[in-house]
N, C-alpha and C. Protein backbone atom coordinates (compact mmCIF):
# COMPACT_ATOMS: atom_id res chain seq x y z
N UNK A 1 77.05 109.55 67.74
CA UNK A 1 77.51 109.00 69.21
C UNK A 1 78.67 108.55 68.92
N UNK A 2 79.64 108.35 69.49
CA UNK A 2 81.08 108.08 69.31
C UNK A 2 81.28 107.28 70.96
N UNK A 3 81.59 105.66 70.78
CA UNK A 3 81.81 105.07 72.37
C UNK A 3 83.00 104.40 72.06
N UNK A 4 83.88 104.94 72.84
CA UNK A 4 85.31 103.86 72.66
C UNK A 4 85.68 103.46 73.52
N UNK A 5 85.93 102.23 73.35
CA UNK A 5 86.78 101.31 74.65
C UNK A 5 87.95 101.61 74.73
N UNK A 6 87.52 102.55 75.86
CA UNK A 6 89.13 103.36 76.32
C UNK A 6 90.12 102.72 77.16
N UNK A 7 90.16 101.83 77.51
CA UNK A 7 91.47 100.88 78.52
C UNK A 7 92.88 101.00 77.99
N UNK A 8 92.97 100.86 76.36
CA UNK A 8 94.22 100.61 75.70
C UNK A 8 93.87 101.55 74.07
N UNK A 9 92.82 102.42 74.46
CA UNK A 9 93.13 102.61 72.93
C UNK A 9 94.54 104.24 72.53
N UNK A 10 95.00 103.90 71.43
CA UNK A 10 95.80 104.92 71.55
C UNK A 10 95.54 106.13 70.60
N UNK A 11 94.34 106.38 70.51
CA UNK A 11 93.37 107.45 69.65
C UNK A 11 92.02 108.84 70.21
N UNK A 12 92.80 108.32 71.26
CA UNK A 12 91.20 108.95 72.38
C UNK A 12 91.58 110.80 71.63
N UNK A 13 92.72 110.94 72.07
CA UNK A 13 92.84 111.97 71.18
C UNK A 13 92.57 112.70 70.13
N UNK A 14 92.20 111.75 69.18
CA UNK A 14 92.18 112.13 67.71
C UNK A 14 90.79 111.76 67.57
N UNK A 15 89.82 111.05 68.51
CA UNK A 15 88.32 110.72 68.52
C UNK A 15 88.32 112.26 69.21
N UNK A 16 88.70 113.06 70.21
CA UNK A 16 88.21 114.07 70.96
C UNK A 16 88.39 115.26 69.75
N UNK A 17 88.93 115.38 68.70
CA UNK A 17 89.60 116.33 67.41
C UNK A 17 88.09 116.54 66.76
N UNK A 18 88.26 115.18 66.37
CA UNK A 18 86.89 114.68 65.43
C UNK A 18 85.19 115.19 65.62
N UNK A 19 85.25 114.86 67.03
CA UNK A 19 83.92 114.92 67.51
C UNK A 19 83.86 116.35 67.79
N UNK A 20 84.41 116.76 68.13
CA UNK A 20 84.25 118.46 68.39
C UNK A 20 83.91 119.05 66.88
N UNK A 21 84.72 118.80 65.78
CA UNK A 21 84.70 119.28 64.65
C UNK A 21 83.56 119.00 64.12
N UNK A 22 82.68 117.91 64.15
CA UNK A 22 81.48 117.31 63.80
C UNK A 22 80.37 117.51 64.91
N UNK A 23 80.51 118.19 66.21
CA UNK A 23 79.76 118.47 67.11
C UNK A 23 79.20 116.97 67.58
N UNK A 24 79.64 115.98 67.64
CA UNK A 24 79.17 114.49 68.26
C UNK A 24 79.95 114.29 69.59
N UNK A 25 78.79 113.40 70.42
CA UNK A 25 79.12 113.45 71.81
C UNK A 25 79.77 112.25 71.94
N UNK A 26 81.19 112.48 72.67
CA UNK A 26 81.70 111.37 72.96
C UNK A 26 81.92 110.59 74.22
N UNK A 27 81.39 108.73 74.35
CA UNK A 27 81.93 108.50 76.01
C UNK A 27 82.93 107.69 76.07
N UNK A 28 83.72 107.92 76.29
CA UNK A 28 85.15 107.11 77.18
C UNK A 28 84.76 106.04 77.84
N UNK A 29 84.57 104.96 77.98
CA UNK A 29 84.18 104.17 78.64
C UNK A 29 85.96 102.96 79.10
N UNK A 30 85.84 102.62 80.52
CA UNK A 30 86.86 102.38 80.77
C UNK A 30 86.67 101.41 82.12
N UNK A 31 87.82 100.69 82.49
CA UNK A 31 87.78 99.97 83.43
C UNK A 31 87.88 100.63 85.15
N UNK A 32 88.61 101.88 84.98
CA UNK A 32 89.43 102.62 86.17
C UNK A 32 89.45 103.96 85.08
N UNK A 33 89.16 105.32 86.16
CA UNK A 33 89.55 106.60 85.75
C UNK A 33 90.59 106.96 84.68
N UNK A 34 89.95 107.67 83.73
CA UNK A 34 91.04 108.07 82.57
C UNK A 34 90.80 109.50 82.32
N UNK A 35 91.78 110.34 82.35
CA UNK A 35 91.44 111.80 82.08
C UNK A 35 90.57 112.07 80.65
N UNK A 36 90.01 112.67 81.23
CA UNK A 36 89.00 113.15 79.49
C UNK A 36 89.73 114.73 79.80
N UNK A 37 89.35 115.52 78.23
CA UNK A 37 89.25 116.82 78.39
C UNK A 37 87.98 116.80 79.26
N UNK A 38 87.90 118.75 79.89
CA UNK A 38 86.26 119.10 80.40
C UNK A 38 86.02 119.99 79.16
N UNK A 39 85.00 119.34 78.38
CA UNK A 39 83.87 119.64 77.70
C UNK A 39 82.51 119.37 77.42
N UNK A 40 81.78 119.64 77.37
CA UNK A 40 80.48 119.49 77.29
C UNK A 40 80.10 117.79 76.51
N UNK A 41 80.94 117.61 75.49
CA UNK A 41 80.82 117.00 74.23
C UNK A 41 81.16 115.36 74.72
N UNK A 42 82.08 115.21 75.73
CA UNK A 42 82.89 114.34 76.33
C UNK A 42 82.55 113.98 77.69
N UNK A 43 82.43 112.59 77.86
CA UNK A 43 81.71 111.93 79.00
C UNK A 43 82.79 110.81 78.99
N UNK A 44 82.76 110.38 80.51
CA UNK A 44 83.86 109.61 81.07
C UNK A 44 82.68 108.61 81.86
N UNK A 45 82.56 107.50 81.47
CA UNK A 45 82.23 106.29 81.90
C UNK A 45 83.30 104.88 82.79
N UNK A 46 82.89 104.98 83.55
CA UNK A 46 83.99 104.26 84.79
C UNK A 46 83.07 102.88 85.12
N UNK A 47 83.17 101.44 84.44
CA UNK A 47 82.25 100.44 85.01
C UNK A 47 82.99 99.41 85.27
N UNK A 48 83.80 99.70 86.20
CA UNK A 48 84.35 98.78 86.76
C UNK A 48 85.42 97.87 87.15
N UNK A 49 85.62 96.71 87.12
CA UNK A 49 86.58 95.57 86.58
C UNK A 49 85.90 94.71 86.69
N UNK A 50 84.81 94.18 86.18
CA UNK A 50 84.49 92.95 86.21
C UNK A 50 85.15 92.65 84.77
N UNK A 51 85.05 91.38 84.38
CA UNK A 51 85.51 90.61 82.81
C UNK A 51 84.51 91.24 82.09
N UNK A 52 84.86 92.04 81.41
CA UNK A 52 83.99 92.75 79.75
C UNK A 52 82.77 93.32 80.08
N UNK A 53 82.91 94.24 81.32
CA UNK A 53 82.02 95.26 81.94
C UNK A 53 82.02 96.39 80.74
N UNK A 54 83.42 96.86 80.34
CA UNK A 54 83.44 97.91 79.55
C UNK A 54 82.71 97.60 78.02
N UNK A 55 83.11 96.63 77.51
CA UNK A 55 82.57 95.39 75.91
C UNK A 55 81.03 95.57 76.91
N UNK A 56 80.37 95.22 77.35
CA UNK A 56 79.01 94.70 77.84
C UNK A 56 78.31 96.46 77.76
N UNK A 57 78.73 97.13 78.51
CA UNK A 57 78.34 98.87 78.61
C UNK A 57 78.25 99.17 77.14
N UNK A 58 79.33 98.95 76.50
CA UNK A 58 79.18 99.93 75.12
C UNK A 58 78.27 98.50 74.09
N UNK A 59 78.16 97.66 74.22
CA UNK A 59 77.41 96.62 73.29
C UNK A 59 76.00 97.16 73.46
N UNK A 60 75.25 97.11 74.90
CA UNK A 60 74.27 97.56 75.66
C UNK A 60 73.94 98.87 74.68
N UNK A 61 75.05 99.61 74.26
CA UNK A 61 74.41 101.14 73.64
C UNK A 61 74.40 101.59 72.30
N UNK A 62 75.03 100.06 71.79
CA UNK A 62 75.28 100.81 70.34
C UNK A 62 74.19 100.67 69.63
N UNK A 63 74.21 101.36 68.26
CA UNK A 63 73.16 101.07 67.50
C UNK A 63 73.29 101.65 66.22
N UNK A 64 72.52 102.04 65.13
CA UNK A 64 72.58 102.45 64.02
C UNK A 64 73.29 103.90 63.79
N UNK A 65 72.98 104.89 64.84
CA UNK A 65 73.86 105.95 65.00
C UNK A 65 75.11 106.06 65.53
N UNK A 66 75.43 105.02 65.93
CA UNK A 66 76.74 105.44 66.82
C UNK A 66 77.67 104.43 66.02
N UNK A 67 78.97 105.02 66.66
CA UNK A 67 80.57 104.59 66.05
C UNK A 67 80.93 104.24 67.14
N UNK A 68 81.67 102.86 67.06
CA UNK A 68 82.32 102.64 68.16
C UNK A 68 83.93 102.32 67.75
N UNK A 69 84.74 102.33 68.65
CA UNK A 69 85.93 102.62 68.61
C UNK A 69 86.82 101.67 69.69
N UNK A 70 87.05 100.57 68.85
CA UNK A 70 87.54 98.93 69.50
C UNK A 70 89.00 98.30 68.83
N UNK A 71 89.73 98.15 69.46
CA UNK A 71 90.28 96.80 69.00
C UNK A 71 90.02 95.31 69.23
N UNK A 72 88.97 95.57 69.85
CA UNK A 72 88.69 94.22 70.51
C UNK A 72 87.62 93.47 69.52
N UNK A 73 87.85 92.39 68.82
CA UNK A 73 86.86 91.54 67.67
C UNK A 73 86.13 91.43 68.27
N UNK A 74 85.88 90.50 69.50
CA UNK A 74 84.63 90.29 70.00
C UNK A 74 83.38 91.53 70.20
N UNK A 75 83.83 92.66 70.70
CA UNK A 75 83.30 93.83 70.76
C UNK A 75 82.58 94.20 69.47
N UNK A 76 83.44 94.35 68.54
CA UNK A 76 82.92 94.58 67.33
C UNK A 76 82.16 93.93 66.55
N UNK A 77 82.19 92.66 66.81
CA UNK A 77 81.43 91.97 67.09
C UNK A 77 79.87 92.08 67.22
N UNK A 78 80.00 92.04 68.22
CA UNK A 78 78.57 92.82 68.86
C UNK A 78 78.05 94.05 68.82
N UNK A 79 78.81 94.82 68.58
CA UNK A 79 78.35 96.41 67.85
C UNK A 79 77.88 96.38 66.58
N UNK A 80 78.33 95.35 65.74
CA UNK A 80 77.75 95.46 64.05
C UNK A 80 76.63 94.62 64.30
N UNK A 81 76.59 93.83 65.25
CA UNK A 81 75.18 93.13 65.40
C UNK A 81 74.12 93.98 65.66
N UNK A 82 74.61 94.83 66.39
CA UNK A 82 73.40 95.87 66.79
C UNK A 82 73.39 97.03 65.67
N UNK A 83 73.98 96.97 64.79
CA UNK A 83 74.09 98.04 63.48
C UNK A 83 74.93 99.59 63.82
N UNK A 84 75.75 99.38 64.70
CA UNK A 84 77.14 100.39 64.82
C UNK A 84 78.23 100.35 63.54
N UNK A 85 78.67 101.06 63.76
CA UNK A 85 79.50 101.34 62.61
C UNK A 85 80.99 100.91 63.40
N UNK A 86 81.63 100.62 63.29
CA UNK A 86 83.01 100.34 64.02
C UNK A 86 84.48 100.47 63.61
N UNK A 87 85.37 100.90 64.52
CA UNK A 87 86.64 100.97 63.94
C UNK A 87 87.50 100.62 64.36
N UNK A 88 88.62 100.18 64.21
CA UNK A 88 89.82 99.78 64.55
C UNK A 88 90.77 101.21 64.70
N UNK A 89 91.35 101.05 66.41
CA UNK A 89 92.58 102.45 66.33
C UNK A 89 93.37 102.51 64.90
N UNK A 90 93.67 101.36 64.14
CA UNK A 90 94.53 101.82 63.23
C UNK A 90 93.84 102.68 61.86
N UNK A 91 92.45 102.94 61.72
CA UNK A 91 91.25 103.02 61.02
C UNK A 91 90.61 101.96 60.27
N UNK A 92 91.14 100.75 60.46
CA UNK A 92 90.62 99.84 59.71
C UNK A 92 89.11 99.50 60.28
N UNK A 93 88.17 99.86 59.40
CA UNK A 93 86.53 99.60 59.46
C UNK A 93 86.44 98.04 59.65
N UNK A 94 85.60 97.51 60.62
CA UNK A 94 85.27 96.31 60.99
C UNK A 94 83.91 96.10 60.30
N UNK A 95 83.38 95.59 59.20
CA UNK A 95 82.34 95.06 58.30
C UNK A 95 82.01 93.50 58.76
N UNK A 96 80.19 93.69 59.04
CA UNK A 96 79.57 92.64 58.50
C UNK A 96 80.35 91.64 57.93
N UNK A 97 80.79 91.81 56.74
CA UNK A 97 81.85 90.90 55.75
C UNK A 97 83.15 90.57 56.33
N UNK A 98 83.56 91.63 57.22
CA UNK A 98 85.31 90.75 57.83
C UNK A 98 85.28 90.38 58.76
N UNK A 99 84.31 90.95 59.40
CA UNK A 99 84.40 90.48 61.12
C UNK A 99 84.42 88.60 61.28
N UNK A 100 84.03 88.13 60.18
CA UNK A 100 84.20 86.46 60.18
C UNK A 100 84.91 85.84 60.49
N UNK A 101 86.37 86.44 59.69
CA UNK A 101 87.57 86.27 59.35
C UNK A 101 88.26 86.56 60.41
N UNK A 102 88.02 87.89 60.98
CA UNK A 102 88.54 88.33 62.11
C UNK A 102 88.76 87.53 63.57
N UNK A 103 87.45 86.78 63.67
CA UNK A 103 86.94 86.00 64.70
C UNK A 103 87.62 84.53 65.00
N UNK A 104 87.93 84.29 63.30
CA UNK A 104 88.62 82.87 63.00
C UNK A 104 89.81 83.12 63.24
N UNK A 105 90.70 84.24 62.78
CA UNK A 105 91.99 84.66 63.34
C UNK A 105 92.73 84.58 64.42
N UNK A 106 91.52 85.47 65.11
CA UNK A 106 91.72 85.33 66.23
C UNK A 106 91.73 84.04 67.48
N UNK A 107 90.98 83.38 67.16
CA UNK A 107 91.04 81.65 67.56
C UNK A 107 92.02 81.33 67.14
N UNK A 108 92.57 81.04 66.16
CA UNK A 108 93.53 80.52 65.71
C UNK A 108 94.78 80.81 66.31
N UNK A 109 94.93 82.19 66.50
CA UNK A 109 96.09 82.81 67.13
C UNK A 109 95.94 82.33 68.65
N UNK A 110 94.71 82.30 69.18
CA UNK A 110 94.60 81.80 70.60
C UNK A 110 94.75 80.47 70.56
N UNK A 111 94.84 79.45 70.06
CA UNK A 111 95.03 78.39 69.98
C UNK A 111 96.66 78.26 69.71
N UNK A 112 97.26 78.50 68.91
CA UNK A 112 98.72 78.60 69.08
C UNK A 112 99.14 78.68 70.02
N UNK A 113 98.75 79.87 70.88
CA UNK A 113 99.28 80.42 72.16
C UNK A 113 99.45 79.53 72.92
N UNK A 114 98.02 78.80 73.27
CA UNK A 114 97.24 78.06 74.29
C UNK A 114 98.37 76.59 74.14
N UNK A 115 98.80 76.57 72.28
CA UNK A 115 99.68 75.44 72.29
C UNK A 115 101.19 75.50 72.66
N UNK A 116 101.71 76.80 73.09
CA UNK A 116 103.46 76.95 73.42
C UNK A 116 103.77 77.56 72.30
N UNK A 117 103.01 78.37 71.38
CA UNK A 117 103.73 78.51 69.87
C UNK A 117 103.84 80.04 70.34
N UNK A 118 105.42 80.25 69.95
CA UNK A 118 105.31 81.88 69.91
C UNK A 118 104.69 82.60 68.93
N UNK A 119 104.03 83.71 68.92
CA UNK A 119 102.99 84.17 67.94
C UNK A 119 103.50 85.70 68.03
N UNK A 120 103.75 86.15 67.34
CA UNK A 120 104.02 88.13 67.11
C UNK A 120 102.86 88.13 67.32
N UNK A 121 102.60 89.44 68.16
CA UNK A 121 101.44 90.76 68.47
C UNK A 121 101.35 91.13 67.02
N UNK A 122 100.30 92.48 67.17
CA UNK A 122 99.76 93.01 66.27
C UNK A 122 101.19 94.38 65.99
N UNK A 123 101.72 94.59 65.08
CA UNK A 123 102.47 95.22 64.07
C UNK A 123 102.47 96.76 65.12
N UNK A 124 103.58 97.38 65.83
CA UNK A 124 103.56 98.81 66.19
C UNK A 124 102.58 99.79 65.56
N UNK A 125 102.02 100.69 66.62
CA UNK A 125 101.21 101.64 65.96
C UNK A 125 102.11 102.46 65.31
N UNK A 126 101.80 103.24 64.16
CA UNK A 126 102.39 103.89 63.63
C UNK A 126 101.85 105.27 63.10
N UNK A 127 102.40 106.06 62.90
CA UNK A 127 101.90 107.38 62.39
C UNK A 127 100.76 107.50 61.34
N UNK A 128 101.21 106.16 60.27
CA UNK A 128 100.11 106.33 59.35
C UNK A 128 98.95 105.52 59.67
N UNK A 129 99.15 105.11 61.21
CA UNK A 129 97.30 104.16 61.54
C UNK A 129 96.62 105.75 62.07
N UNK A 130 97.49 106.64 62.76
CA UNK A 130 96.58 107.41 63.45
C UNK A 130 96.07 108.29 62.11
N UNK A 131 96.89 108.82 61.36
CA UNK A 131 96.18 109.61 59.98
C UNK A 131 94.85 108.77 59.20
N UNK A 132 95.18 107.27 59.23
CA UNK A 132 93.60 106.28 58.93
C UNK A 132 93.14 106.40 59.64
N UNK A 133 93.02 106.31 60.70
CA UNK A 133 92.06 106.42 61.87
C UNK A 133 91.58 107.88 61.84
N UNK A 134 92.21 109.04 61.66
CA UNK A 134 91.57 110.39 61.64
C UNK A 134 90.36 110.48 60.16
N UNK A 135 90.91 110.06 59.28
CA UNK A 135 90.42 110.19 58.09
C UNK A 135 88.99 109.12 58.23
N UNK A 136 89.08 107.63 58.71
CA UNK A 136 88.03 106.76 58.42
C UNK A 136 86.92 107.52 59.65
N UNK A 137 87.28 108.06 60.90
CA UNK A 137 86.42 108.40 62.13
C UNK A 137 85.60 109.80 61.40
N UNK A 138 86.21 110.65 60.35
CA UNK A 138 85.68 111.83 60.04
C UNK A 138 84.53 111.06 58.85
N UNK A 139 84.88 110.23 58.34
CA UNK A 139 84.04 110.11 57.01
C UNK A 139 83.15 109.36 57.78
N UNK A 140 83.29 108.01 58.47
CA UNK A 140 82.23 107.47 59.44
C UNK A 140 81.03 108.51 59.69
N UNK A 141 81.16 109.60 60.52
CA UNK A 141 80.53 110.67 60.78
C UNK A 141 79.91 111.29 59.59
N UNK A 142 80.52 111.79 58.94
CA UNK A 142 79.86 112.24 57.73
C UNK A 142 78.83 111.34 57.13
N UNK A 143 79.19 109.92 56.78
CA UNK A 143 77.81 108.90 56.66
C UNK A 143 77.01 109.18 57.49
N UNK A 144 77.47 108.62 58.24
CA UNK A 144 75.79 109.05 59.70
C UNK A 144 75.20 110.45 59.77
N UNK A 145 76.08 111.53 59.55
CA UNK A 145 74.88 112.49 59.10
C UNK A 145 73.85 112.16 58.25
N UNK A 146 74.24 111.77 57.10
CA UNK A 146 73.81 111.62 56.07
C UNK A 146 72.58 111.37 55.72
N UNK A 147 72.57 109.92 56.49
CA UNK A 147 71.67 109.15 57.05
C UNK A 147 71.78 108.07 55.86
N UNK A 148 70.73 106.80 55.95
CA UNK A 148 71.09 105.53 54.90
C UNK A 148 70.51 106.14 53.41
């Protein structure tokens, strides 16, 4: 199963393409309604506007048979702890060995912003990111199908 933290996800169409090719169900999780294809493998879950409602819904359902797609580092950490495979929209995997550094960097950037420092955001999403994501998602699903 693929769970997508969808509110700001730029690769939903790519998720659909790969999921259809592999015959894997997808749940698009968001705080407000998002258009999704009318397809038996695609489900839309609107969780409401409570803070972290989408993250909580995804984290509660993530397990070793799940791929979670999110740019949210704290959700990625929760999903990894549940045993899920986690990919960022750029195709970069979150792993148990990389998540600590990502959380630390996130905290440092938040402190800098809180202190009034002007810090840049992430690089603009590029065509290469989309291509890298397609490949990473395909590889993750192949690995999950093979099993441990």
